[in-house]
Amino acid sequence: MPASKFQVPKQSISWLLGRVHVSTPDSEVEADIRRRCSALTPAQRNACVKYALKCHRDNQALFNRYHF
């Protein structure tokens, strides 16, 4: 897949991160995404990791907002 046509698989990553506990360390999230995206180029993997960490942050913020 040409780098210019690559799109981060947002739906898949969002689904995966929706099943990760908010207290999971970033390093574990990153390692899991890198393992799952091992067939991609380094730049594509980095884009996937960046999006995954953003999803993880969003989930943490949501938890902190509504946790009683």
Protein backbone atom coordinates (compact mmCIF):
# COMPACT_ATOMS: atom_id res chain seq x y z
CA MET A 1 0.00 0.00 0.00
CA PRO A 2 1.59 3.34 -1.01
CA ALA A 3 2.36 5.63 1.91
CA SER A 4 0.37 8.47 0.35
CA LYS A 5 -2.81 6.34 0.27
CA PHE A 6 -2.47 4.94 3.78
CA GLN A 7 -5.27 5.68 6.23
CA VAL A 8 -5.04 4.82 9.90
CA PRO A 9 -7.57 2.04 10.66
CA LYS A 10 -9.41 4.28 13.11
CA GLN A 11 -12.44 2.07 13.62
CA SER A 12 -10.34 -0.98 14.44
CA ILE A 13 -8.06 0.94 16.79
CA SER A 14 -11.00 2.64 18.51
CA TRP A 15 -12.65 -0.75 19.00
CA LEU A 16 -9.47 -2.22 20.49
CA LEU A 17 -8.90 0.74 22.80
CA GLY A 18 -12.51 0.61 23.95
CA ARG A 19 -11.60 -2.75 25.48
CA VAL A 20 -8.42 -1.59 27.21
CA HIS A 21 -8.67 -0.48 30.84
CA VAL A 22 -7.99 3.23 31.34
CA SER A 23 -5.18 2.46 33.79
CA THR A 24 -3.24 0.45 31.20
CA PRO A 25 0.18 2.07 30.73
CA ASP A 26 0.87 3.84 27.44
CA SER A 27 3.82 1.52 26.89
CA GLU A 28 1.49 -1.51 26.82
CA VAL A 29 -0.90 0.20 24.42
CA GLU A 30 1.99 1.17 22.17
CA ALA A 31 3.50 -2.33 22.22
CA ASP A 32 0.17 -3.93 21.35
CA ILE A 33 -0.48 -1.58 18.43
CA ARG A 34 3.07 -1.95 17.12
CA ARG A 35 2.71 -5.74 17.27
CA ARG A 36 -0.63 -5.67 15.46
CA CYS A 37 0.73 -3.28 12.80
CA SER A 38 4.02 -5.08 12.25
CA ALA A 39 3.37 -5.49 8.51
CA LEU A 40 3.17 -1.72 8.01
CA THR A 41 6.00 0.71 7.36
CA PRO A 42 7.55 2.48 10.36
CA ALA A 43 5.77 5.75 9.45
CA GLN A 44 2.43 3.96 9.20
CA ARG A 45 3.01 2.18 12.51
CA ASN A 46 3.87 5.52 14.14
CA ALA A 47 0.62 7.01 12.82
CA CYS A 48 -1.34 4.08 14.25
CA VAL A 49 0.38 4.39 17.63
CA LYS A 50 -0.27 8.13 17.71
CA TYR A 51 -3.96 7.58 17.04
CA ALA A 52 -4.17 4.74 19.58
CA LEU A 53 -2.63 6.89 22.31
CA LYS A 54 -5.07 9.68 21.47
CA CYS A 55 -7.97 7.21 21.85
CA HIS A 56 -6.50 6.03 25.14
CA ARG A 57 -6.25 9.64 26.40
CA ASP A 58 -9.85 10.31 25.33
CA ASN A 59 -11.02 7.21 27.22
CA GLN A 60 -9.10 8.30 30.32
CA ALA A 61 -10.62 11.78 30.14
CA LEU A 62 -14.10 10.31 29.77
CA PHE A 63 -13.51 8.06 32.77
CA ASN A 64 -12.21 10.95 34.87
CA ARG A 65 -15.14 13.13 33.91
CA TYR A 66 -17.82 10.64 34.90
CA HIS A 67 -16.10 8.63 37.66
CA PHE A 68 -17.84 9.18 40.98
